[in-house]
């Protein structure tokens, strides 16, 4: 966050992997604060191998996804809703100008 770039978190994925006894790492990417059509929001992406999902905060909904089950999408939406304040705080710390020029 200090360097003004997109936030990347790594978490252990549960769900389908538990059935096979293996866990895959899931990356969570948080954009900076975005403004469009009179609203302010943050995009959050979840990446797990070839699976991906894209959601927005403060709405706390997954807009697009591929490879995640409905149950997993529900858990991702719970995460977005439950950690909304922390996600917004992280997004405010991202400096898009520094990211643009790789400073």
PDB file of N, CA and C in Angstrom:
ATOM      1  N   UNK A   1       0.825  -1.184   0.000  1.00  0.00           N
ATOM      2  CA  UNK A   1       0.000   0.000   0.000  1.00  0.00           C
ATOM      3  C   UNK A   1       0.872   1.251   0.000  1.00  0.00           C
ATOM      4  N   UNK A   2       2.015   1.210   0.629  1.00  0.00           N
ATOM      5  CA  UNK A   2       2.864   2.386   0.698  1.00  0.00           C
ATOM      6  C   UNK A   2       3.365   2.832  -0.669  1.00  0.00           C
ATOM      7  N   UNK A   3       3.503   1.910  -1.607  1.00  0.00           N
ATOM      8  CA  UNK A   3       4.033   2.293  -2.903  1.00  0.00           C
ATOM      9  C   UNK A   3       2.940   2.766  -3.860  1.00  0.00           C
ATOM     10  N   UNK A   4       1.699   2.827  -3.423  1.00  0.00           N
ATOM     11  CA  UNK A   4       0.621   3.366  -4.237  1.00  0.00           C
ATOM     12  C   UNK A   4       0.092   2.420  -5.288  1.00  0.00           C
ATOM     13  N   UNK A   5       0.429   1.156  -5.216  1.00  0.00           N
ATOM     14  CA  UNK A   5      -0.026   0.206  -6.230  1.00  0.00           C
ATOM     15  C   UNK A   5      -1.212  -0.601  -5.720  1.00  0.00           C
ATOM     16  N   UNK A   6      -1.748  -1.429  -6.587  1.00  0.00           N
ATOM     17  CA  UNK A   6      -2.881  -2.277  -6.240  1.00  0.00           C
ATOM     18  C   UNK A   6      -2.510  -3.169  -5.068  1.00  0.00           C
ATOM     19  N   UNK A   7      -3.432  -3.335  -4.145  1.00  0.00           N
ATOM     20  CA  UNK A   7      -3.219  -4.184  -2.977  1.00  0.00           C
ATOM     21  C   UNK A   7      -3.407  -5.638  -3.380  1.00  0.00           C
ATOM     22  N   UNK A   8      -2.489  -6.503  -2.998  1.00  0.00           N
ATOM     23  CA  UNK A   8      -2.620  -7.931  -3.257  1.00  0.00           C
ATOM     24  C   UNK A   8      -2.538  -8.654  -1.930  1.00  0.00           C
ATOM     25  N   UNK A   9      -3.569  -9.421  -1.614  1.00  0.00           N
ATOM     26  CA  UNK A   9      -3.570 -10.248  -0.416  1.00  0.00           C
ATOM     27  C   UNK A   9      -3.558 -11.697  -0.868  1.00  0.00           C
ATOM     28  N   UNK A  10      -2.953 -12.553  -0.085  1.00  0.00           N
ATOM     29  CA  UNK A  10      -2.971 -13.974  -0.397  1.00  0.00           C
ATOM     30  C   UNK A  10      -3.687 -14.691   0.736  1.00  0.00           C
ATOM     31  N   UNK A  11      -4.668 -15.502   0.392  1.00  0.00           N
ATOM     32  CA  UNK A  11      -5.417 -16.259   1.374  1.00  0.00           C
ATOM     33  C   UNK A  11      -5.481 -17.702   0.942  1.00  0.00           C
ATOM     34  N   UNK A  12      -5.819 -18.578   1.869  1.00  0.00           N
ATOM     35  CA  UNK A  12      -6.005 -19.976   1.530  1.00  0.00           C
ATOM     36  C   UNK A  12      -7.453 -20.184   1.143  1.00  0.00           C
ATOM     37  N   UNK A  13      -7.670 -20.767  -0.011  1.00  0.00           N
ATOM     38  CA  UNK A  13      -9.008 -21.021  -0.525  1.00  0.00           C
ATOM     39  C   UNK A  13      -9.576 -22.281   0.114  1.00  0.00           C
ATOM     40  N   UNK A  14     -10.859 -22.245   0.417  1.00  0.00           N
ATOM     41  CA  UNK A  14     -11.530 -23.427   0.935  1.00  0.00           C
ATOM     42  C   UNK A  14     -12.584 -23.855  -0.058  1.00  0.00           C
ATOM     43  N   UNK A  15     -13.494 -24.687   0.335  1.00  0.00           N
ATOM     44  CA  UNK A  15     -14.563 -25.084  -0.583  1.00  0.00           C
ATOM     45  C   UNK A  15     -14.204 -26.352  -1.316  1.00  0.00           C
ATOM     46  N   UNK A  16     -14.230 -26.314  -2.647  1.00  0.00           N
ATOM     47  CA  UNK A  16     -13.978 -27.490  -3.459  1.00  0.00           C
ATOM     48  C   UNK A  16     -12.633 -28.135  -3.145  1.00  0.00           C
ATOM     49  N   UNK A  17     -11.610 -27.359  -2.837  1.00  0.00           N
ATOM     50  CA  UNK A  17     -10.299 -27.922  -2.587  1.00  0.00           C
ATOM     51  C   UNK A  17     -10.276 -28.784  -1.332  1.00  0.00           C
ATOM     52  N   UNK A  18     -11.136 -28.481  -0.351  1.00  0.00           N
ATOM     53  CA  UNK A  18     -11.175 -29.281   0.867  1.00  0.00           C
ATOM     54  C   UNK A  18     -11.582 -30.713   0.570  1.00  0.00           C
ATOM     55  N   UNK A  19     -12.448 -30.898  -0.419  1.00  0.00           N
ATOM     56  CA  UNK A  19     -12.894 -32.237  -0.773  1.00  0.00           C
ATOM     57  C   UNK A  19     -11.752 -33.086  -1.307  1.00  0.00           C
ATOM     58  N   UNK A  20     -10.796 -32.473  -1.987  1.00  0.00           N
ATOM     59  CA  UNK A  20      -9.673 -33.205  -2.559  1.00  0.00           C
ATOM     60  C   UNK A  20      -8.478 -33.235  -1.624  1.00  0.00           C
ATOM     61  N   UNK A  21      -8.561 -32.527  -0.511  1.00  0.00           N
ATOM     62  CA  UNK A  21      -7.472 -32.513   0.448  1.00  0.00           C
ATOM     63  C   UNK A  21      -6.370 -31.522   0.109  1.00  0.00           C
ATOM     64  N   UNK A  22      -6.544 -30.706  -0.918  1.00  0.00           N
ATOM     65  CA  UNK A  22      -5.531 -29.713  -1.270  1.00  0.00           C
ATOM     66  C   UNK A  22      -6.146 -28.322  -1.187  1.00  0.00           C
ATOM     67  N   UNK A  23      -5.308 -27.355  -0.924  1.00  0.00           N
ATOM     68  CA  UNK A  23      -5.771 -25.970  -0.873  1.00  0.00           C
ATOM     69  C   UNK A  23      -4.976 -25.163  -1.869  1.00  0.00           C
ATOM     70  N   UNK A  24      -5.656 -24.256  -2.538  1.00  0.00           N
ATOM     71  CA  UNK A  24      -4.989 -23.364  -3.478  1.00  0.00           C
ATOM     72  C   UNK A  24      -4.976 -21.966  -2.902  1.00  0.00           C
ATOM     73  N   UNK A  25      -3.930 -21.261  -3.228  1.00  0.00           N
ATOM     74  CA  UNK A  25      -3.814 -19.885  -2.802  1.00  0.00           C
ATOM     75  C   UNK A  25      -4.750 -19.011  -3.635  1.00  0.00           C
ATOM     76  N   UNK A  26      -5.411 -18.087  -2.974  1.00  0.00           N
ATOM     77  CA  UNK A  26      -6.273 -17.147  -3.682  1.00  0.00           C
ATOM     78  C   UNK A  26      -5.694 -15.749  -3.483  1.00  0.00           C
ATOM     79  N   UNK A  27      -5.576 -15.015  -4.577  1.00  0.00           N
ATOM     80  CA  UNK A  27      -5.115 -13.633  -4.504  1.00  0.00           C
ATOM     81  C   UNK A  27      -6.330 -12.721  -4.534  1.00  0.00           C
ATOM     82  N   UNK A  28      -6.258 -11.678  -3.726  1.00  0.00           N
ATOM     83  CA  UNK A  28      -7.320 -10.674  -3.674  1.00  0.00           C
ATOM     84  C   UNK A  28      -6.694  -9.351  -4.106  1.00  0.00           C
ATOM     85  N   UNK A  29      -7.188  -8.799  -5.200  1.00  0.00           N
ATOM     86  CA  UNK A  29      -6.680  -7.528  -5.715  1.00  0.00           C
ATOM     87  C   UNK A  29      -7.695  -6.433  -5.428  1.00  0.00           C
ATOM     88  N   UNK A  30      -7.223  -5.317  -4.902  1.00  0.00           N
ATOM     89  CA  UNK A  30      -8.098  -4.193  -4.566  1.00  0.00           C
ATOM     90  C   UNK A  30      -7.671  -2.991  -5.396  1.00  0.00           C
ATOM     91  N   UNK A  31      -8.603  -2.393  -6.123  1.00  0.00           N
ATOM     92  CA  UNK A  31      -8.288  -1.209  -6.930  1.00  0.00           C
ATOM     93  C   UNK A  31      -8.245   0.021  -6.036  1.00  0.00           C
ATOM     94  N   UNK A  32      -7.859   1.127  -6.629  1.00  0.00           N
ATOM     95  CA  UNK A  32      -8.001   2.399  -5.944  1.00  0.00           C
ATOM     96  C   UNK A  32      -9.466   2.803  -5.946  1.00  0.00           C
ATOM     97  N   UNK A  33      -9.781   3.908  -5.329  1.00  0.00           N
ATOM     98  CA  UNK A  33     -11.155   4.400  -5.305  1.00  0.00           C
ATOM     99  C   UNK A  33     -11.504   4.907  -6.705  1.00  0.00           C
ATOM    100  N   UNK A  34     -12.634   4.454  -7.226  1.00  0.00           N
ATOM    101  CA  UNK A  34     -13.085   4.827  -8.565  1.00  0.00           C
ATOM    102  C   UNK A  34     -14.352   5.672  -8.464  1.00  0.00           C
ATOM    103  N   UNK A  35     -14.533   6.551  -9.430  1.00  0.00           N
ATOM    104  CA  UNK A  35     -15.733   7.379  -9.479  1.00  0.00           C
ATOM    105  C   UNK A  35     -16.292   7.340 -10.887  1.00  0.00           C
ATOM    106  N   UNK A  36     -17.576   7.022 -10.996  1.00  0.00           N
ATOM    107  CA  UNK A  36     -18.240   6.989 -12.302  1.00  0.00           C
ATOM    108  C   UNK A  36     -19.737   7.169 -12.090  1.00  0.00           C
ATOM    109  N   UNK A  37     -20.342   7.933 -12.963  1.00  0.00           N
ATOM    110  CA  UNK A  37     -21.785   8.150 -12.947  1.00  0.00           C
ATOM    111  C   UNK A  37     -22.299   8.586 -11.571  1.00  0.00           C
ATOM    112  N   UNK A  38     -21.547   9.463 -10.930  1.00  0.00           N
ATOM    113  CA  UNK A  38     -21.967  10.022  -9.653  1.00  0.00           C
ATOM    114  C   UNK A  38     -21.837   9.091  -8.461  1.00  0.00           C
ATOM    115  N   UNK A  39     -21.144   7.982  -8.600  1.00  0.00           N
ATOM    116  CA  UNK A  39     -20.977   7.082  -7.464  1.00  0.00           C
ATOM    117  C   UNK A  39     -19.503   6.774  -7.246  1.00  0.00           C
ATOM    118  N   UNK A  40     -19.152   6.419  -6.034  1.00  0.00           N
ATOM    119  CA  UNK A  40     -17.794   6.083  -5.644  1.00  0.00           C
ATOM    120  C   UNK A  40     -17.775   4.611  -5.255  1.00  0.00           C
ATOM    121  N   UNK A  41     -16.791   3.860  -5.772  1.00  0.00           N
ATOM    122  CA  UNK A  41     -16.724   2.433  -5.500  1.00  0.00           C
ATOM    123  C   UNK A  41     -15.299   1.920  -5.655  1.00  0.00           C
ATOM    124  N   UNK A  42     -15.099   0.662  -5.278  1.00  0.00           N
ATOM    125  CA  UNK A  42     -13.811  -0.016  -5.377  1.00  0.00           C
ATOM    126  C   UNK A  42     -14.054  -1.369  -6.028  1.00  0.00           C
ATOM    127  N   UNK A  43     -13.190  -1.766  -6.949  1.00  0.00           N
ATOM    128  CA  UNK A  43     -13.272  -3.087  -7.574  1.00  0.00           C
ATOM    129  C   UNK A  43     -12.359  -4.039  -6.818  1.00  0.00           C
ATOM    130  N   UNK A  44     -12.863  -5.250  -6.584  1.00  0.00           N
ATOM    131  CA  UNK A  44     -12.092  -6.286  -5.896  1.00  0.00           C
ATOM    132  C   UNK A  44     -12.112  -7.526  -6.768  1.00  0.00           C
ATOM    133  N   UNK A  45     -10.931  -8.065  -7.069  1.00  0.00           N
ATOM    134  CA  UNK A  45     -10.824  -9.267  -7.883  1.00  0.00           C
ATOM    135  C   UNK A  45     -10.269 -10.400  -7.044  1.00  0.00           C
ATOM    136  N   UNK A  46     -10.789 -11.592  -7.264  1.00  0.00           N
ATOM    137  CA  UNK A  46     -10.340 -12.802  -6.584  1.00  0.00           C
ATOM    138  C   UNK A  46      -9.787 -13.744  -7.650  1.00  0.00           C
ATOM    139  N   UNK A  47      -8.551 -14.197  -7.485  1.00  0.00           N
ATOM    140  CA  UNK A  47      -7.908 -15.078  -8.453  1.00  0.00           C
ATOM    141  C   UNK A  47      -7.451 -16.349  -7.743  1.00  0.00           C
ATOM    142  N   UNK A  48      -7.836 -17.497  -8.297  1.00  0.00           N
ATOM    143  CA  UNK A  48      -7.438 -18.794  -7.741  1.00  0.00           C
ATOM    144  C   UNK A  48      -7.157 -19.726  -8.913  1.00  0.00           C
ATOM    145  N   UNK A  49      -5.903 -19.894  -9.243  1.00  0.00           N
ATOM    146  CA  UNK A  49      -5.578 -20.701 -10.416  1.00  0.00           C
ATOM    147  C   UNK A  49      -6.217 -20.078 -11.644  1.00  0.00           C
ATOM    148  N   UNK A  50      -7.055 -20.850 -12.345  1.00  0.00           N
ATOM    149  CA  UNK A  50      -7.757 -20.332 -13.525  1.00  0.00           C
ATOM    150  C   UNK A  50      -9.113 -19.715 -13.163  1.00  0.00           C
ATOM    151  N   UNK A  51      -9.524 -19.837 -11.921  1.00  0.00           N
ATOM    152  CA  UNK A  51     -10.799 -19.292 -11.463  1.00  0.00           C
ATOM    153  C   UNK A  51     -10.638 -17.816 -11.127  1.00  0.00           C
ATOM    154  N   UNK A  52     -11.690 -17.038 -11.389  1.00  0.00           N
ATOM    155  CA  UNK A  52     -11.651 -15.620 -11.063  1.00  0.00           C
ATOM    156  C   UNK A  52     -13.050 -15.121 -10.747  1.00  0.00           C
ATOM    157  N   UNK A  53     -13.093 -14.047  -9.973  1.00  0.00           N
ATOM    158  CA  UNK A  53     -14.360 -13.378  -9.663  1.00  0.00           C
ATOM    159  C   UNK A  53     -14.056 -11.898  -9.488  1.00  0.00           C
ATOM    160  N   UNK A  54     -15.031 -11.084  -9.857  1.00  0.00           N
ATOM    161  CA  UNK A  54     -14.866  -9.635  -9.774  1.00  0.00           C
ATOM    162  C   UNK A  54     -16.072  -9.035  -9.072  1.00  0.00           C
ATOM    163  N   UNK A  55     -15.811  -8.284  -8.005  1.00  0.00           N
ATOM    164  CA  UNK A  55     -16.899  -7.665  -7.257  1.00  0.00           C
ATOM    165  C   UNK A  55     -16.655  -6.196  -7.012  1.00  0.00           C
ATOM    166  N   UNK A  56     -17.648  -5.550  -6.396  1.00  0.00           N
ATOM    167  CA  UNK A  56     -17.529  -4.133  -6.077  1.00  0.00           C
ATOM    168  C   UNK A  56     -17.952  -3.880  -4.635  1.00  0.00           C
ATOM    169  N   UNK A  57     -17.350  -2.858  -4.070  1.00  0.00           N
ATOM    170  CA  UNK A  57     -17.666  -2.381  -2.726  1.00  0.00           C
ATOM    171  C   UNK A  57     -18.011  -0.915  -2.896  1.00  0.00           C
ATOM    172  N   UNK A  58     -19.022  -0.346  -2.303  1.00  0.00           N
ATOM    173  CA  UNK A  58     -19.700  -0.817  -1.119  1.00  0.00           C
ATOM    174  C   UNK A  58     -20.886  -1.752  -1.366  1.00  0.00           C
ATOM    175  N   UNK A  59     -21.259  -2.002  -2.599  1.00  0.00           N
ATOM    176  CA  UNK A  59     -22.422  -2.858  -2.862  1.00  0.00           C
ATOM    177  C   UNK A  59     -22.238  -4.277  -2.327  1.00  0.00           C
ATOM    178  N   UNK A  60     -21.002  -4.765  -2.321  1.00  0.00           N
ATOM    179  CA  UNK A  60     -20.725  -6.094  -1.789  1.00  0.00           C
ATOM    180  C   UNK A  60     -21.245  -7.216  -2.662  1.00  0.00           C
ATOM    181  N   UNK A  61     -21.231  -7.015  -3.983  1.00  0.00           N
ATOM    182  CA  UNK A  61     -21.734  -8.050  -4.899  1.00  0.00           C
ATOM    183  C   UNK A  61     -20.638  -8.475  -5.868  1.00  0.00           C
ATOM    184  N   UNK A  62     -20.693  -9.729  -6.264  1.00  0.00           N
ATOM    185  CA  UNK A  62     -19.827 -10.250  -7.301  1.00  0.00           C
ATOM    186  C   UNK A  62     -20.554 -10.033  -8.617  1.00  0.00           C
ATOM    187  N   UNK A  63     -19.946  -9.283  -9.520  1.00  0.00           N
ATOM    188  CA  UNK A  63     -20.576  -8.964 -10.796  1.00  0.00           C
ATOM    189  C   UNK A  63     -20.307 -10.027 -11.863  1.00  0.00           C
ATOM    190  N   UNK A  64     -19.095 -10.569 -11.866  1.00  0.00           N
ATOM    191  CA  UNK A  64     -18.705 -11.574 -12.852  1.00  0.00           C
ATOM    192  C   UNK A  64     -17.857 -12.629 -12.160  1.00  0.00           C
ATOM    193  N   UNK A  65     -17.973 -13.877 -12.621  1.00  0.00           N
ATOM    194  CA  UNK A  65     -17.155 -14.939 -12.044  1.00  0.00           C
ATOM    195  C   UNK A  65     -17.076 -16.119 -12.998  1.00  0.00           C
ATOM    196  N   UNK A  66     -15.981 -16.843 -12.873  1.00  0.00           N
ATOM    197  CA  UNK A  66     -15.811 -18.070 -13.649  1.00  0.00           C
ATOM    198  C   UNK A  66     -15.006 -19.056 -12.803  1.00  0.00           C
ATOM    199  N   UNK A  67     -15.550 -20.260 -12.627  1.00  0.00           N
ATOM    200  CA  UNK A  67     -14.847 -21.304 -11.900  1.00  0.00           C
ATOM    201  C   UNK A  67     -15.207 -21.421 -10.430  1.00  0.00           C
ATOM    202  N   UNK A  68     -15.898 -20.443  -9.873  1.00  0.00           N
ATOM    203  CA  UNK A  68     -16.335 -20.501  -8.479  1.00  0.00           C
ATOM    204  C   UNK A  68     -17.761 -21.050  -8.423  1.00  0.00           C
ATOM    205  N   UNK A  69     -18.052 -21.841  -7.391  1.00  0.00           N
ATOM    206  CA  UNK A  69     -19.412 -22.352  -7.209  1.00  0.00           C
ATOM    207  C   UNK A  69     -20.300 -21.231  -6.669  1.00  0.00           C
ATOM    208  N   UNK A  70     -21.624 -21.449  -6.711  1.00  0.00           N
ATOM    209  CA  UNK A  70     -22.558 -20.458  -6.151  1.00  0.00           C
ATOM    210  C   UNK A  70     -22.290 -20.252  -4.666  1.00  0.00           C
ATOM    211  N   UNK A  71     -21.967 -21.327  -3.969  1.00  0.00           N
ATOM    212  CA  UNK A  71     -21.673 -21.230  -2.535  1.00  0.00           C
ATOM    213  C   UNK A  71     -20.421 -20.380  -2.301  1.00  0.00           C
ATOM    214  N   UNK A  72     -19.393 -20.604  -3.106  1.00  0.00           N
ATOM    215  CA  UNK A  72     -18.168 -19.822  -2.972  1.00  0.00           C
ATOM    216  C   UNK A  72     -18.413 -18.353  -3.291  1.00  0.00           C
ATOM    217  N   UNK A  73     -19.216 -18.076  -4.302  1.00  0.00           N
ATOM    218  CA  UNK A  73     -19.551 -16.692  -4.647  1.00  0.00           C
ATOM    219  C   UNK A  73     -20.278 -16.036  -3.480  1.00  0.00           C
ATOM    220  N   UNK A  74     -21.178 -16.774  -2.850  1.00  0.00           N
ATOM    221  CA  UNK A  74     -21.870 -16.260  -1.669  1.00  0.00           C
ATOM    222  C   UNK A  74     -20.893 -15.903  -0.557  1.00  0.00           C
ATOM    223  N   UNK A  75     -19.870 -16.742  -0.353  1.00  0.00           N
ATOM    224  CA  UNK A  75     -18.861 -16.463   0.672  1.00  0.00           C
ATOM    225  C   UNK A  75     -18.006 -15.255   0.302  1.00  0.00           C
ATOM    226  N   UNK A  76     -17.711 -15.111  -0.985  1.00  0.00           N
ATOM    227  CA  UNK A  76     -16.962 -13.933  -1.423  1.00  0.00           C
ATOM    228  C   UNK A  76     -17.764 -12.660  -1.193  1.00  0.00           C
ATOM    229  N   UNK A  77     -19.069 -12.723  -1.455  1.00  0.00           N
ATOM    230  CA  UNK A  77     -19.936 -11.559  -1.207  1.00  0.00           C
ATOM    231  C   UNK A  77     -20.025 -11.256   0.283  1.00  0.00           C
ATOM    232  N   UNK A  78     -20.039 -12.295   1.117  1.00  0.00           N
ATOM    233  CA  UNK A  78     -20.019 -12.081   2.569  1.00  0.00           C
ATOM    234  C   UNK A  78     -18.729 -11.376   2.980  1.00  0.00           C
ATOM    235  N   UNK A  79     -17.630 -11.801   2.375  1.00  0.00           N
ATOM    236  CA  UNK A  79     -16.340 -11.167   2.656  1.00  0.00           C
ATOM    237  C   UNK A  79     -16.377  -9.689   2.266  1.00  0.00           C
ATOM    238  N   UNK A  80     -16.884  -9.385   1.071  1.00  0.00           N
ATOM    239  CA  UNK A  80     -16.954  -7.995   0.614  1.00  0.00           C
ATOM    240  C   UNK A  80     -17.798  -7.147   1.558  1.00  0.00           C
ATOM    241  N   UNK A  81     -18.924  -7.687   1.981  1.00  0.00           N
ATOM    242  CA  UNK A  81     -19.818  -6.943   2.881  1.00  0.00           C
ATOM    243  C   UNK A  81     -19.197  -6.791   4.270  1.00  0.00           C
ATOM    244  N   UNK A  82     -18.601  -7.854   4.775  1.00  0.00           N
ATOM    245  CA  UNK A  82     -18.047  -7.845   6.124  1.00  0.00           C
ATOM    246  C   UNK A  82     -16.779  -7.020   6.269  1.00  0.00           C
ATOM    247  N   UNK A  83     -15.969  -6.972   5.231  1.00  0.00           N
ATOM    248  CA  UNK A  83     -14.704  -6.240   5.280  1.00  0.00           C
ATOM    249  C   UNK A  83     -14.748  -4.940   4.484  1.00  0.00           C
ATOM    250  N   UNK A  84     -15.935  -4.462   4.228  1.00  0.00           N
ATOM    251  CA  UNK A  84     -16.130  -3.263   3.409  1.00  0.00           C
ATOM    252  C   UNK A  84     -15.291  -2.089   3.903  1.00  0.00           C
ATOM    253  N   UNK A  85     -15.310  -1.836   5.189  1.00  0.00           N
ATOM    254  CA  UNK A  85     -14.592  -0.696   5.744  1.00  0.00           C
ATOM    255  C   UNK A  85     -13.083  -0.827   5.517  1.00  0.00           C
ATOM    256  N   UNK A  86     -12.530  -2.006   5.746  1.00  0.00           N
ATOM    257  CA  UNK A  86     -11.092  -2.230   5.561  1.00  0.00           C
ATOM    258  C   UNK A  86     -10.717  -2.139   4.082  1.00  0.00           C
ATOM    259  N   UNK A  87     -11.559  -2.664   3.206  1.00  0.00           N
ATOM    260  CA  UNK A  87     -11.293  -2.607   1.766  1.00  0.00           C
ATOM    261  C   UNK A  87     -11.277  -1.152   1.295  1.00  0.00           C
ATOM    262  N   UNK A  88     -12.247  -0.368   1.728  1.00  0.00           N
ATOM    263  CA  UNK A  88     -12.300   1.050   1.347  1.00  0.00           C
ATOM    264  C   UNK A  88     -11.077   1.804   1.870  1.00  0.00           C
ATOM    265  N   UNK A  89     -10.650   1.485   3.083  1.00  0.00           N
ATOM    266  CA  UNK A  89      -9.472   2.129   3.663  1.00  0.00           C
ATOM    267  C   UNK A  89      -8.232   1.794   2.838  1.00  0.00           C
ATOM    268  N   UNK A  90      -8.079   0.525   2.452  1.00  0.00           N
ATOM    269  CA  UNK A  90      -6.935   0.125   1.624  1.00  0.00           C
ATOM    270  C   UNK A  90      -6.972   0.842   0.283  1.00  0.00           C
ATOM    271  N   UNK A  91      -8.146   0.902  -0.330  1.00  0.00           N
ATOM    272  CA  UNK A  91      -8.285   1.529  -1.648  1.00  0.00           C
ATOM    273  C   UNK A  91      -7.917   3.011  -1.600  1.00  0.00           C
ATOM    274  N   UNK A  92      -8.242   3.676  -0.513  1.00  0.00           N
ATOM    275  CA  UNK A  92      -7.911   5.101  -0.382  1.00  0.00           C
ATOM    276  C   UNK A  92      -6.404   5.316  -0.313  1.00  0.00           C
ATOM    277  N   UNK A  93      -5.643   4.292   0.096  1.00  0.00           N
ATOM    278  CA  UNK A  93      -4.193   4.398   0.191  1.00  0.00           C
ATOM    279  C   UNK A  93      -3.479   4.142  -1.120  1.00  0.00           C
ATOM    280  N   UNK A  94      -4.203   3.758  -2.155  1.00  0.00           N
ATOM    281  CA  UNK A  94      -3.597   3.475  -3.451  1.00  0.00           C
ATOM    282  C   UNK A  94      -3.485   4.768  -4.239  1.00  0.00           C
ATOM    283  N   UNK A  95      -2.306   5.037  -4.769  1.00  0.00           N
ATOM    284  CA  UNK A  95      -2.057   6.249  -5.535  1.00  0.00           C
ATOM    285  C   UNK A  95      -1.966   5.885  -7.013  1.00  0.00           C
ATOM    286  N   UNK A  96      -3.011   6.156  -7.809  1.00  0.00           N
ATOM    287  CA  UNK A  96      -2.995   5.761  -9.213  1.00  0.00           C
ATOM    288  C   UNK A  96      -1.928   6.451 -10.053  1.00  0.00           C
ATOM    289  N   UNK A  97      -1.530   7.655  -9.690  1.00  0.00           N
ATOM    290  CA  UNK A  97      -0.487   8.371 -10.434  1.00  0.00           C
ATOM    291  C   UNK A  97       0.861   7.666 -10.257  1.00  0.00           C
ATOM    292  N   UNK A  98       1.181   7.299  -9.024  1.00  0.00           N
ATOM    293  CA  UNK A  98       2.424   6.565  -8.761  1.00  0.00           C
ATOM    294  C   UNK A  98       2.396   5.226  -9.502  1.00  0.00           C
ATOM    295  N   UNK A  99       1.242   4.583  -9.541  1.00  0.00           N
ATOM    296  CA  UNK A  99       1.118   3.298 -10.216  1.00  0.00           C
ATOM    297  C   UNK A  99       1.306   3.471 -11.731  1.00  0.00           C
ATOM    298  N   UNK A 100       0.764   4.529 -12.279  1.00  0.00           N
ATOM    299  CA  UNK A 100       0.864   4.801 -13.701  1.00  0.00           C
ATOM    300  C   UNK A 100       2.320   4.951 -14.144  1.00  0.00           C
ATOM    301  N   UNK A 101       3.102   5.660 -13.337  1.00  0.00           N
ATOM    302  CA  UNK A 101       4.502   5.924 -13.685  1.00  0.00           C
ATOM    303  C   UNK A 101       5.473   4.952 -13.020  1.00  0.00           C
ATOM    304  N   UNK A 102       4.957   3.910 -12.371  1.00  0.00           N
ATOM    305  CA  UNK A 102       5.787   2.874 -11.709  1.00  0.00           C
ATOM    306  C   UNK A 102       6.790   3.469 -10.736  1.00  0.00           C
ATOM    307  N   UNK A 103       6.339   4.433  -9.960  1.00  0.00           N
ATOM    308  CA  UNK A 103       7.193   5.101  -8.982  1.00  0.00           C
ATOM    309  C   UNK A 103       7.241   4.273  -7.721  1.00  0.00           C
TER     310      UNK A 103
END
